[in-house]
Amino acid sequence: QVQLVESGGGLVQVGGSLTLSCVASGIIFELATMAWYRQAVGKQRELVAAISGGGTNYGDSVKGRFTISRDNAINTVYLQMNSLKPEDTAVYYCNVLTVNGPYWGQGTQVTVSS
């Protein structure tokens, strides 16, 4: 079955950096479009970044600060987050869309303190 396991969240000060990781299993990883979403308290889940064979795309609020990348040899997608702001505080979820529907990781909390 499809499994996505995130790690790397935590507490960081404004302007700091964090890198999230997501290890995927049960899919043909190198063919998959992988994405990171986030959901803050009281807000809808939103796309942060996505990566496929065709390239990457980012949500407007993170362009220039976040970078998504992948290592197909170890089935892992990363989200490098720089210049973090309090409004980046959220639970971050790894996502993959398959023919059977979307799959989500358990989420990892990122808290940016001011």
PDB file of N, CA and C in Angstrom:
ATOM      1  N   GLN A   1       0.832  -1.182   0.000  1.00  0.00           N
ATOM      2  CA  GLN A   1       0.000   0.000   0.000  1.00  0.00           C
ATOM      3  C   GLN A   1       0.879   1.248   0.000  1.00  0.00           C
ATOM      4  N   VAL A   2       0.268   2.344  -0.367  1.00  0.00           N
ATOM      5  CA  VAL A   2       0.996   3.601  -0.432  1.00  0.00           C
ATOM      6  C   VAL A   2       1.209   4.144   0.975  1.00  0.00           C
ATOM      7  N   GLN A   3       2.439   4.523   1.254  1.00  0.00           N
ATOM      8  CA  GLN A   3       2.757   5.154   2.536  1.00  0.00           C
ATOM      9  C   GLN A   3       3.649   6.361   2.290  1.00  0.00           C
ATOM     10  N   LEU A   4       3.337   7.431   2.997  1.00  0.00           N
ATOM     11  CA  LEU A   4       4.143   8.647   2.964  1.00  0.00           C
ATOM     12  C   LEU A   4       4.479   9.003   4.402  1.00  0.00           C
ATOM     13  N   VAL A   5       5.765   9.139   4.698  1.00  0.00           N
ATOM     14  CA  VAL A   5       6.192   9.417   6.065  1.00  0.00           C
ATOM     15  C   VAL A   5       7.031  10.689   6.073  1.00  0.00           C
ATOM     16  N   GLU A   6       6.481  11.718   6.725  1.00  0.00           N
ATOM     17  CA  GLU A   6       7.176  13.008   6.793  1.00  0.00           C
ATOM     18  C   GLU A   6       8.037  13.088   8.044  1.00  0.00           C
ATOM     19  N   SER A   7       9.040  13.943   7.971  1.00  0.00           N
ATOM     20  CA  SER A   7       9.875  14.254   9.132  1.00  0.00           C
ATOM     21  C   SER A   7      10.504  15.616   8.918  1.00  0.00           C
ATOM     22  N   GLY A   8      11.042  16.175  10.003  1.00  0.00           N
ATOM     23  CA  GLY A   8      11.798  17.410   9.892  1.00  0.00           C
ATOM     24  C   GLY A   8      11.126  18.658  10.412  1.00  0.00           C
ATOM     25  N   GLY A   9       9.884  18.545  10.849  1.00  0.00           N
ATOM     26  CA  GLY A   9       9.218  19.718  11.395  1.00  0.00           C
ATOM     27  C   GLY A   9       9.783  20.099  12.749  1.00  0.00           C
ATOM     28  N   GLY A  10       9.332  21.252  13.249  1.00  0.00           N
ATOM     29  CA  GLY A  10       9.792  21.689  14.548  1.00  0.00           C
ATOM     30  C   GLY A  10       9.530  23.155  14.776  1.00  0.00           C
ATOM     31  N   LEU A  11      10.170  23.696  15.802  1.00  0.00           N
ATOM     32  CA  LEU A  11      10.033  25.096  16.180  1.00  0.00           C
ATOM     33  C   LEU A  11      11.256  25.862  15.691  1.00  0.00           C
ATOM     34  N   VAL A  12      11.016  26.977  15.025  1.00  0.00           N
ATOM     35  CA  VAL A  12      12.115  27.780  14.491  1.00  0.00           C
ATOM     36  C   VAL A  12      11.754  29.252  14.648  1.00  0.00           C
ATOM     37  N   GLN A  13      12.764  30.086  14.748  1.00  0.00           N
ATOM     38  CA  GLN A  13      12.519  31.526  14.873  1.00  0.00           C
ATOM     39  C   GLN A  13      12.303  32.161  13.511  1.00  0.00           C
ATOM     40  N   VAL A  14      11.686  33.307  13.531  1.00  0.00           N
ATOM     41  CA  VAL A  14      11.477  34.057  12.286  1.00  0.00           C
ATOM     42  C   VAL A  14      12.820  34.259  11.574  1.00  0.00           C
ATOM     43  N   GLY A  15      12.795  34.012  10.265  1.00  0.00           N
ATOM     44  CA  GLY A  15      14.004  34.147   9.465  1.00  0.00           C
ATOM     45  C   GLY A  15      14.845  32.893   9.387  1.00  0.00           C
ATOM     46  N   GLY A  16      14.476  31.895  10.161  1.00  0.00           N
ATOM     47  CA  GLY A  16      15.225  30.651  10.183  1.00  0.00           C
ATOM     48  C   GLY A  16      14.867  29.721   9.031  1.00  0.00           C
ATOM     49  N   SER A  17      15.450  28.533   9.071  1.00  0.00           N
ATOM     50  CA  SER A  17      15.272  27.546   8.007  1.00  0.00           C
ATOM     51  C   SER A  17      14.948  26.171   8.580  1.00  0.00           C
ATOM     52  N   LEU A  18      14.226  25.403   7.799  1.00  0.00           N
ATOM     53  CA  LEU A  18      13.944  24.010   8.113  1.00  0.00           C
ATOM     54  C   LEU A  18      13.895  23.238   6.810  1.00  0.00           C
ATOM     55  N   THR A  19      14.216  21.951   6.896  1.00  0.00           N
ATOM     56  CA  THR A  19      14.047  21.076   5.738  1.00  0.00           C
ATOM     57  C   THR A  19      13.151  19.906   6.134  1.00  0.00           C
ATOM     58  N   LEU A  20      12.075  19.749   5.398  1.00  0.00           N
ATOM     59  CA  LEU A  20      11.171  18.621   5.586  1.00  0.00           C
ATOM     60  C   LEU A  20      11.532  17.506   4.604  1.00  0.00           C
ATOM     61  N   SER A  21      11.313  16.272   5.054  1.00  0.00           N
ATOM     62  CA  SER A  21      11.539  15.106   4.198  1.00  0.00           C
ATOM     63  C   SER A  21      10.289  14.243   4.184  1.00  0.00           C
ATOM     64  N   CYS A  22      10.089  13.560   3.079  1.00  0.00           N
ATOM     65  CA  CYS A  22       8.967  12.633   2.954  1.00  0.00           C
ATOM     66  C   CYS A  22       9.458  11.413   2.193  1.00  0.00           C
ATOM     67  N   VAL A  23       9.388  10.270   2.848  1.00  0.00           N
ATOM     68  CA  VAL A  23       9.779   9.011   2.218  1.00  0.00           C
ATOM     69  C   VAL A  23       8.526   8.295   1.758  1.00  0.00           C
ATOM     70  N   ALA A  24       8.506   7.916   0.494  1.00  0.00           N
ATOM     71  CA  ALA A  24       7.338   7.276  -0.095  1.00  0.00           C
ATOM     72  C   ALA A  24       7.605   5.799  -0.359  1.00  0.00           C
ATOM     73  N   SER A  25       6.565   4.995  -0.235  1.00  0.00           N
ATOM     74  CA  SER A  25       6.632   3.580  -0.591  1.00  0.00           C
ATOM     75  C   SER A  25       5.311   3.174  -1.213  1.00  0.00           C
ATOM     76  N   GLY A  26       5.348   2.091  -1.984  1.00  0.00           N
ATOM     77  CA  GLY A  26       4.120   1.598  -2.607  1.00  0.00           C
ATOM     78  C   GLY A  26       3.762   2.280  -3.909  1.00  0.00           C
ATOM     79  N   ILE A  27       4.653   3.125  -4.429  1.00  0.00           N
ATOM     80  CA  ILE A  27       4.415   3.791  -5.702  1.00  0.00           C
ATOM     81  C   ILE A  27       5.669   3.698  -6.564  1.00  0.00           C
ATOM     82  N   ILE A  28       5.497   3.960  -7.857  1.00  0.00           N
ATOM     83  CA  ILE A  28       6.666   4.081  -8.733  1.00  0.00           C
ATOM     84  C   ILE A  28       7.127   5.525  -8.598  1.00  0.00           C
ATOM     85  N   PHE A  29       8.032   5.728  -7.668  1.00  0.00           N
ATOM     86  CA  PHE A  29       8.322   7.081  -7.211  1.00  0.00           C
ATOM     87  C   PHE A  29       8.789   7.988  -8.343  1.00  0.00           C
ATOM     88  N   GLU A  30       9.663   7.488  -9.199  1.00  0.00           N
ATOM     89  CA  GLU A  30      10.248   8.369 -10.205  1.00  0.00           C
ATOM     90  C   GLU A  30       9.221   8.875 -11.215  1.00  0.00           C
ATOM     91  N   LEU A  31       8.058   8.247 -11.267  1.00  0.00           N
ATOM     92  CA  LEU A  31       7.005   8.684 -12.174  1.00  0.00           C
ATOM     93  C   LEU A  31       5.951   9.562 -11.474  1.00  0.00           C
ATOM     94  N   ALA A  32       6.053   9.676 -10.174  1.00  0.00           N
ATOM     95  CA  ALA A  32       5.003  10.327  -9.396  1.00  0.00           C
ATOM     96  C   ALA A  32       5.211  11.835  -9.293  1.00  0.00           C
ATOM     97  N   THR A  33       4.113  12.546  -9.339  1.00  0.00           N
ATOM     98  CA  THR A  33       4.131  13.963  -8.979  1.00  0.00           C
ATOM     99  C   THR A  33       3.945  14.049  -7.472  1.00  0.00           C
ATOM    100  N   MET A  34       4.953  14.591  -6.812  1.00  0.00           N
ATOM    101  CA  MET A  34       4.921  14.708  -5.356  1.00  0.00           C
ATOM    102  C   MET A  34       4.661  16.164  -4.974  1.00  0.00           C
ATOM    103  N   ALA A  35       3.993  16.341  -3.868  1.00  0.00           N
ATOM    104  CA  ALA A  35       3.646  17.697  -3.468  1.00  0.00           C
ATOM    105  C   ALA A  35       3.692  17.844  -1.956  1.00  0.00           C
ATOM    106  N   TRP A  36       3.847  19.091  -1.541  1.00  0.00           N
ATOM    107  CA  TRP A  36       3.707  19.463  -0.140  1.00  0.00           C
ATOM    108  C   TRP A  36       2.526  20.419  -0.032  1.00  0.00           C
ATOM    109  N   TYR A  37       1.675  20.149   0.941  1.00  0.00           N
ATOM    110  CA  TYR A  37       0.576  21.031   1.288  1.00  0.00           C
ATOM    111  C   TYR A  37       0.756  21.439   2.744  1.00  0.00           C
ATOM    112  N   ARG A  38       0.025  22.467   3.129  1.00  0.00           N
ATOM    113  CA  ARG A  38       0.019  22.851   4.538  1.00  0.00           C
ATOM    114  C   ARG A  38      -1.366  23.304   4.946  1.00  0.00           C
ATOM    115  N   GLN A  39      -1.616  23.172   6.235  1.00  0.00           N
ATOM    116  CA  GLN A  39      -2.901  23.616   6.773  1.00  0.00           C
ATOM    117  C   GLN A  39      -2.657  24.280   8.113  1.00  0.00           C
ATOM    118  N   ALA A  40      -2.976  25.557   8.173  1.00  0.00           N
ATOM    119  CA  ALA A  40      -2.903  26.303   9.418  1.00  0.00           C
ATOM    120  C   ALA A  40      -4.229  26.196  10.154  1.00  0.00           C
ATOM    121  N   VAL A  41      -4.204  26.478  11.433  1.00  0.00           N
ATOM    122  CA  VAL A  41      -5.418  26.392  12.250  1.00  0.00           C
ATOM    123  C   VAL A  41      -6.467  27.349  11.699  1.00  0.00           C
ATOM    124  N   GLY A  42      -7.646  26.824  11.452  1.00  0.00           N
ATOM    125  CA  GLY A  42      -8.747  27.644  10.977  1.00  0.00           C
ATOM    126  C   GLY A  42      -8.703  27.978   9.505  1.00  0.00           C
ATOM    127  N   LYS A  43      -7.761  27.394   8.772  1.00  0.00           N
ATOM    128  CA  LYS A  43      -7.641  27.684   7.342  1.00  0.00           C
ATOM    129  C   LYS A  43      -7.729  26.411   6.524  1.00  0.00           C
ATOM    130  N   GLN A  44      -7.980  26.586   5.225  1.00  0.00           N
ATOM    131  CA  GLN A  44      -8.041  25.440   4.340  1.00  0.00           C
ATOM    132  C   GLN A  44      -6.630  24.956   4.005  1.00  0.00           C
ATOM    133  N   ARG A  45      -6.551  23.682   3.645  1.00  0.00           N
ATOM    134  CA  ARG A  45      -5.281  23.136   3.210  1.00  0.00           C
ATOM    135  C   ARG A  45      -4.905  23.780   1.875  1.00  0.00           C
ATOM    136  N   GLU A  46      -3.632  24.162   1.737  1.00  0.00           N
ATOM    137  CA  GLU A  46      -3.191  24.836   0.524  1.00  0.00           C
ATOM    138  C   GLU A  46      -1.923  24.179  -0.021  1.00  0.00           C
ATOM    139  N   LEU A  47      -1.784  24.275  -1.345  1.00  0.00           N
ATOM    140  CA  LEU A  47      -0.595  23.751  -1.996  1.00  0.00           C
ATOM    141  C   LEU A  47       0.595  24.648  -1.690  1.00  0.00           C
ATOM    142  N   VAL A  48       1.689  24.024  -1.259  1.00  0.00           N
ATOM    143  CA  VAL A  48       2.936  24.760  -1.030  1.00  0.00           C
ATOM    144  C   VAL A  48       3.845  24.618  -2.243  1.00  0.00           C
ATOM    145  N   ALA A  49       4.071  23.381  -2.681  1.00  0.00           N
ATOM    146  CA  ALA A  49       4.974  23.143  -3.807  1.00  0.00           C
ATOM    147  C   ALA A  49       4.716  21.754  -4.370  1.00  0.00           C
ATOM    148  N   ALA A  50       5.035  21.579  -5.650  1.00  0.00           N
ATOM    149  CA  ALA A  50       4.891  20.288  -6.299  1.00  0.00           C
ATOM    150  C   ALA A  50       6.064  20.076  -7.241  1.00  0.00           C
ATOM    151  N   ILE A  51       6.387  18.793  -7.460  1.00  0.00           N
ATOM    152  CA  ILE A  51       7.501  18.470  -8.350  1.00  0.00           C
ATOM    153  C   ILE A  51       7.150  17.233  -9.162  1.00  0.00           C
ATOM    154  N   SER A  52       7.425  17.316 -10.469  1.00  0.00           N
ATOM    155  CA  SER A  52       7.189  16.201 -11.360  1.00  0.00           C
ATOM    156  C   SER A  52       8.342  16.139 -12.357  1.00  0.00           C
ATOM    157  N   GLY A  53       8.197  15.234 -13.337  1.00  0.00           N
ATOM    158  CA  GLY A  53       9.233  15.197 -14.366  1.00  0.00           C
ATOM    159  C   GLY A  53       9.299  16.467 -15.184  1.00  0.00           C
ATOM    160  N   GLY A  54       8.194  17.216 -15.163  1.00  0.00           N
ATOM    161  CA  GLY A  54       8.139  18.438 -15.954  1.00  0.00           C
ATOM    162  C   GLY A  54       8.637  19.672 -15.246  1.00  0.00           C
ATOM    163  N   GLY A  55       8.938  19.537 -13.969  1.00  0.00           N
ATOM    164  CA  GLY A  55       9.435  20.694 -13.263  1.00  0.00           C
ATOM    165  C   GLY A  55       8.778  20.879 -11.910  1.00  0.00           C
ATOM    166  N   THR A  56       8.786  22.121 -11.445  1.00  0.00           N
ATOM    167  CA  THR A  56       8.255  22.440 -10.125  1.00  0.00           C
ATOM    168  C   THR A  56       7.272  23.601 -10.213  1.00  0.00           C
ATOM    169  N   ASN A  57       6.395  23.676  -9.229  1.00  0.00           N
ATOM    170  CA  ASN A  57       5.586  24.877  -9.083  1.00  0.00           C
ATOM    171  C   ASN A  57       5.351  25.144  -7.610  1.00  0.00           C
ATOM    172  N   TYR A  58       5.109  26.409  -7.300  1.00  0.00           N
ATOM    173  CA  TYR A  58       5.040  26.868  -5.916  1.00  0.00           C
ATOM    174  C   TYR A  58       3.818  27.748  -5.696  1.00  0.00           C
ATOM    175  N   GLY A  59       3.332  27.705  -4.453  1.00  0.00           N
ATOM    176  CA  GLY A  59       2.310  28.651  -4.065  1.00  0.00           C
ATOM    177  C   GLY A  59       2.907  30.051  -4.025  1.00  0.00           C
ATOM    178  N   ASP A  60       2.093  31.048  -4.295  1.00  0.00           N
ATOM    179  CA  ASP A  60       2.599  32.416  -4.374  1.00  0.00           C
ATOM    180  C   ASP A  60       3.270  32.864  -3.076  1.00  0.00           C
ATOM    181  N   SER A  61       2.764  32.406  -1.955  1.00  0.00           N
ATOM    182  CA  SER A  61       3.268  32.887  -0.673  1.00  0.00           C
ATOM    183  C   SER A  61       4.657  32.347  -0.324  1.00  0.00           C
ATOM    184  N   VAL A  62       5.123  31.332  -1.039  1.00  0.00           N
ATOM    185  CA  VAL A  62       6.418  30.735  -0.695  1.00  0.00           C
ATOM    186  C   VAL A  62       7.450  30.878  -1.811  1.00  0.00           C
ATOM    187  N   LYS A  63       7.055  31.425  -2.940  1.00  0.00           N
ATOM    188  CA  LYS A  63       7.998  31.573  -4.061  1.00  0.00           C
ATOM    189  C   LYS A  63       9.210  32.387  -3.637  1.00  0.00           C
ATOM    190  N   GLY A  64      10.387  31.867  -3.998  1.00  0.00           N
ATOM    191  CA  GLY A  64      11.629  32.554  -3.656  1.00  0.00           C
ATOM    192  C   GLY A  64      12.167  32.205  -2.288  1.00  0.00           C
ATOM    193  N   ARG A  65      11.354  31.531  -1.464  1.00  0.00           N
ATOM    194  CA  ARG A  65      11.800  31.165  -0.105  1.00  0.00           C
ATOM    195  C   ARG A  65      11.896  29.660   0.086  1.00  0.00           C
ATOM    196  N   PHE A  66      11.014  28.914  -0.553  1.00  0.00           N
ATOM    197  CA  PHE A  66      10.974  27.458  -0.398  1.00  0.00           C
ATOM    198  C   PHE A  66      11.459  26.799  -1.687  1.00  0.00           C
ATOM    199  N   THR A  67      12.075  25.618  -1.523  1.00  0.00           N
ATOM    200  CA  THR A  67      12.531  24.843  -2.673  1.00  0.00           C
ATOM    201  C   THR A  67      12.146  23.385  -2.483  1.00  0.00           C
ATOM    202  N   ILE A  68      11.454  22.833  -3.467  1.00  0.00           N
ATOM    203  CA  ILE A  68      11.115  21.414  -3.443  1.00  0.00           C
ATOM    204  C   ILE A  68      12.111  20.663  -4.315  1.00  0.00           C
ATOM    205  N   SER A  69      12.513  19.482  -3.839  1.00  0.00           N
ATOM    206  CA  SER A  69      13.437  18.656  -4.602  1.00  0.00           C
ATOM    207  C   SER A  69      13.147  17.191  -4.303  1.00  0.00           C
ATOM    208  N   ARG A  70      13.773  16.318  -5.066  1.00  0.00           N
ATOM    209  CA  ARG A  70      13.531  14.893  -4.859  1.00  0.00           C
ATOM    210  C   ARG A  70      14.795  14.096  -5.123  1.00  0.00           C
ATOM    211  N   ASP A  71      14.867  12.938  -4.477  1.00  0.00           N
ATOM    212  CA  ASP A  71      15.944  11.981  -4.719  1.00  0.00           C
ATOM    213  C   ASP A  71      15.274  10.658  -5.070  1.00  0.00           C
ATOM    214  N   ASN A  72      15.215  10.357  -6.350  1.00  0.00           N
ATOM    215  CA  ASN A  72      14.511   9.159  -6.792  1.00  0.00           C
ATOM    216  C   ASN A  72      15.200   7.878  -6.324  1.00  0.00           C
ATOM    217  N   ALA A  73      16.486   7.950  -6.017  1.00  0.00           N
ATOM    218  CA  ALA A  73      17.205   6.747  -5.573  1.00  0.00           C
ATOM    219  C   ALA A  73      16.732   6.272  -4.205  1.00  0.00           C
ATOM    220  N   ILE A  74      16.201   7.197  -3.402  1.00  0.00           N
ATOM    221  CA  ILE A  74      15.756   6.817  -2.053  1.00  0.00           C
ATOM    222  C   ILE A  74      14.293   7.195  -1.811  1.00  0.00           C
ATOM    223  N   ASN A  75      13.553   7.408  -2.908  1.00  0.00           N
ATOM    224  CA  ASN A  75      12.108   7.659  -2.827  1.00  0.00           C
ATOM    225  C   ASN A  75      11.757   8.776  -1.843  1.00  0.00           C
ATOM    226  N   THR A  76      12.495   9.853  -1.918  1.00  0.00           N
ATOM    227  CA  THR A  76      12.325  10.930  -0.949  1.00  0.00           C
ATOM    228  C   THR A  76      12.136  12.275  -1.645  1.00  0.00           C
ATOM    229  N   VAL A  77      11.187  13.030  -1.131  1.00  0.00           N
ATOM    230  CA  VAL A  77      10.972  14.403  -1.584  1.00  0.00           C
ATOM    231  C   VAL A  77      11.259  15.325  -0.400  1.00  0.00           C
ATOM    232  N   TYR A  78      11.859  16.471  -0.704  1.00  0.00           N
ATOM    233  CA  TYR A  78      12.270  17.416   0.327  1.00  0.00           C
ATOM    234  C   TYR A  78      11.575  18.763   0.127  1.00  0.00           C
ATOM    235  N   LEU A  79      11.473  19.499   1.214  1.00  0.00           N
ATOM    236  CA  LEU A  79      11.030  20.887   1.136  1.00  0.00           C
ATOM    237  C   LEU A  79      11.990  21.707   1.990  1.00  0.00           C
ATOM    238  N   GLN A  80      12.842  22.459   1.316  1.00  0.00           N
ATOM    239  CA  GLN A  80      13.748  23.361   1.994  1.00  0.00           C
ATOM    240  C   GLN A  80      13.032  24.690   2.191  1.00  0.00           C
ATOM    241  N   MET A  81      12.927  25.119   3.447  1.00  0.00           N
ATOM    242  CA  MET A  81      12.181  26.329   3.770  1.00  0.00           C
ATOM    243  C   MET A  81      13.135  27.343   4.385  1.00  0.00           C
ATOM    244  N   ASN A  82      13.285  28.473   3.737  1.00  0.00           N
ATOM    245  CA  ASN A  82      14.163  29.544   4.208  1.00  0.00           C
ATOM    246  C   ASN A  82      13.340  30.794   4.503  1.00  0.00           C
ATOM    247  N   SER A  83      13.952  31.701   5.220  1.00  0.00           N
ATOM    248  CA  SER A  83      13.316  32.987   5.556  1.00  0.00           C
ATOM    249  C   SER A  83      11.904  32.777   6.094  1.00  0.00           C
ATOM    250  N   LEU A  84      11.789  31.895   7.043  1.00  0.00           N
ATOM    251  CA  LEU A  84      10.468  31.519   7.553  1.00  0.00           C
ATOM    252  C   LEU A  84       9.796  32.684   8.264  1.00  0.00           C
ATOM    253  N   LYS A  85       8.471  32.730   8.110  1.00  0.00           N
ATOM    254  CA  LYS A  85       7.652  33.781   8.684  1.00  0.00           C
ATOM    255  C   LYS A  85       6.619  33.151   9.622  1.00  0.00           C
ATOM    256  N   PRO A  86       6.072  33.931  10.541  1.00  0.00           N
ATOM    257  CA  PRO A  86       5.036  33.367  11.429  1.00  0.00           C
ATOM    258  C   PRO A  86       3.866  32.767  10.649  1.00  0.00           C
ATOM    259  N   GLU A  87       3.534  33.357   9.509  1.00  0.00           N
ATOM    260  CA  GLU A  87       2.411  32.844   8.731  1.00  0.00           C
ATOM    261  C   GLU A  87       2.717  31.515   8.039  1.00  0.00           C
ATOM    262  N   ASP A  88       3.954  31.039   8.127  1.00  0.00           N
ATOM    263  CA  ASP A  88       4.285  29.704   7.621  1.00  0.00           C
ATOM    264  C   ASP A  88       3.942  28.612   8.634  1.00  0.00           C
ATOM    265  N   THR A  89       3.548  29.011   9.836  1.00  0.00           N
ATOM    266  CA  THR A  89       3.166  28.042  10.864  1.00  0.00           C
ATOM    267  C   THR A  89       1.971  27.239  10.399  1.00  0.00           C
ATOM    268  N   ALA A  90       2.129  25.915  10.394  1.00  0.00           N
ATOM    269  CA  ALA A  90       1.066  25.024   9.897  1.00  0.00           C
ATOM    270  C   ALA A  90       1.522  23.583  10.071  1.00  0.00           C
ATOM    271  N   VAL A  91       0.602  22.681   9.838  1.00  0.00           N
ATOM    272  CA  VAL A  91       0.957  21.274   9.666  1.00  0.00           C
ATOM    273  C   VAL A  91       1.225  21.062   8.180  1.00  0.00           C
ATOM    274  N   TYR A  92       2.370  20.501   7.869  1.00  0.00           N
ATOM    275  CA  TYR A  92       2.780  20.269   6.491  1.00  0.00           C
ATOM    276  C   TYR A  92       2.577  18.800   6.148  1.00  0.00           C
ATOM    277  N   TYR A  93       1.938  18.580   4.991  1.00  0.00           N
ATOM    278  CA  TYR A  93       1.601  17.235   4.558  1.00  0.00           C
ATOM    279  C   TYR A  93       2.270  16.922   3.225  1.00  0.00           C
ATOM    280  N   CYS A  94       2.784  15.723   3.130  1.00  0.00           N
ATOM    281  CA  CYS A  94       3.280  15.200   1.865  1.00  0.00           C
ATOM    282  C   CYS A  94       2.101  14.560   1.117  1.00  0.00           C
ATOM    283  N   ASN A  95       2.120  14.684  -0.194  1.00  0.00           N
ATOM    284  CA  ASN A  95       0.981  14.211  -0.998  1.00  0.00           C
ATOM    285  C   ASN A  95       1.456  13.579  -2.294  1.00  0.00           C
ATOM    286  N   VAL A  96       0.743  12.550  -2.726  1.00  0.00           N
ATOM    287  CA  VAL A  96       0.933  11.998  -4.060  1.00  0.00           C
ATOM    288  C   VAL A  96      -0.439  11.662  -4.625  1.00  0.00           C
ATOM    289  N   LEU A  97      -0.614  11.951  -5.897  1.00  0.00           N
ATOM    290  CA  LEU A  97      -1.876  11.629  -6.564  1.00  0.00           C
ATOM    291  C   LEU A  97      -1.657  10.391  -7.424  1.00  0.00           C
ATOM    292  N   THR A  98      -2.431   9.341  -7.160  1.00  0.00           N
ATOM    293  CA  THR A  98      -2.312   8.108  -7.915  1.00  0.00           C
ATOM    294  C   THR A  98      -3.620   7.832  -8.663  1.00  0.00           C
ATOM    295  N   VAL A  99      -3.623   6.769  -9.447  1.00  0.00           N
ATOM    296  CA  VAL A  99      -4.850   6.399 -10.166  1.00  0.00           C
ATOM    297  C   VAL A  99      -5.963   6.012  -9.203  1.00  0.00           C
ATOM    298  N   ASN A 100      -5.586   5.659  -7.969  1.00  0.00           N
ATOM    299  CA  ASN A 100      -6.576   5.298  -6.958  1.00  0.00           C
ATOM    300  C   ASN A 100      -6.958   6.473  -6.075  1.00  0.00           C
ATOM    301  N   GLY A 101      -6.453   7.645  -6.397  1.00  0.00           N
ATOM    302  CA  GLY A 101      -6.783   8.825  -5.627  1.00  0.00           C
ATOM    303  C   GLY A 101      -5.567   9.399  -4.926  1.00  0.00           C
ATOM    304  N   PRO A 102      -5.760  10.468  -4.152  1.00  0.00           N
ATOM    305  CA  PRO A 102      -4.637  11.088  -3.450  1.00  0.00           C
ATOM    306  C   PRO A 102      -4.293  10.339  -2.171  1.00  0.00           C
ATOM    307  N   TYR A 103      -3.039  10.375  -1.823  1.00  0.00           N
ATOM    308  CA  TYR A 103      -2.578   9.830  -0.554  1.00  0.00           C
ATOM    309  C   TYR A 103      -1.836  10.930   0.202  1.00  0.00           C
ATOM    310  N   TRP A 104      -1.967  10.856   1.532  1.00  0.00           N
ATOM    311  CA  TRP A 104      -1.390  11.879   2.396  1.00  0.00           C
ATOM    312  C   TRP A 104      -0.531  11.240   3.482  1.00  0.00           C
ATOM    313  N   GLY A 105       0.512  11.951   3.865  1.00  0.00           N
ATOM    314  CA  GLY A 105       1.252  11.562   5.043  1.00  0.00           C
ATOM    315  C   GLY A 105       0.518  11.994   6.298  1.00  0.00           C
ATOM    316  N   GLN A 106       1.117  11.704   7.437  1.00  0.00           N
ATOM    317  CA  GLN A 106       0.467  12.008   8.714  1.00  0.00           C
ATOM    318  C   GLN A 106       0.612  13.474   9.088  1.00  0.00           C
ATOM    319  N   GLY A 107       1.513  14.166   8.427  1.00  0.00           N
ATOM    320  CA  GLY A 107       1.729  15.584   8.698  1.00  0.00           C
ATOM    321  C   GLY A 107       2.847  15.813   9.703  1.00  0.00           C
ATOM    322  N   THR A 108       3.498  16.962   9.560  1.00  0.00           N
ATOM    323  CA  THR A 108       4.538  17.360  10.508  1.00  0.00           C
ATOM    324  C   THR A 108       4.349  18.840  10.823  1.00  0.00           C
ATOM    325  N   GLN A 109       4.403  19.167  12.092  1.00  0.00           N
ATOM    326  CA  GLN A 109       4.126  20.530  12.539  1.00  0.00           C
ATOM    327  C   GLN A 109       5.354  21.420  12.355  1.00  0.00           C
ATOM    328  N   VAL A 110       5.117  22.571  11.763  1.00  0.00           N
ATOM    329  CA  VAL A 110       6.137  23.623  11.671  1.00  0.00           C
ATOM    330  C   VAL A 110       5.602  24.843  12.398  1.00  0.00           C
ATOM    331  N   THR A 111       6.353  25.319  13.365  1.00  0.00           N
ATOM    332  CA  THR A 111       5.960  26.496  14.132  1.00  0.00           C
ATOM    333  C   THR A 111       7.070  27.538  14.043  1.00  0.00           C
ATOM    334  N   VAL A 112       6.687  28.729  13.577  1.00  0.00           N
ATOM    335  CA  VAL A 112       7.652  29.821  13.441  1.00  0.00           C
ATOM    336  C   VAL A 112       7.328  30.855  14.500  1.00  0.00           C
ATOM    337  N   SER A 113       8.249  31.087  15.399  1.00  0.00           N
ATOM    338  CA  SER A 113       8.015  32.013  16.505  1.00  0.00           C
ATOM    339  C   SER A 113       8.628  33.378  16.199  1.00  0.00           C
ATOM    340  N   SER A 114       7.923  34.407  16.642  1.00  0.00           N
ATOM    341  CA  SER A 114       8.392  35.778  16.380  1.00  0.00           C
ATOM    342  C   SER A 114       9.036  36.393  17.608  1.00  0.00           C
TER     343      SER A 114
END
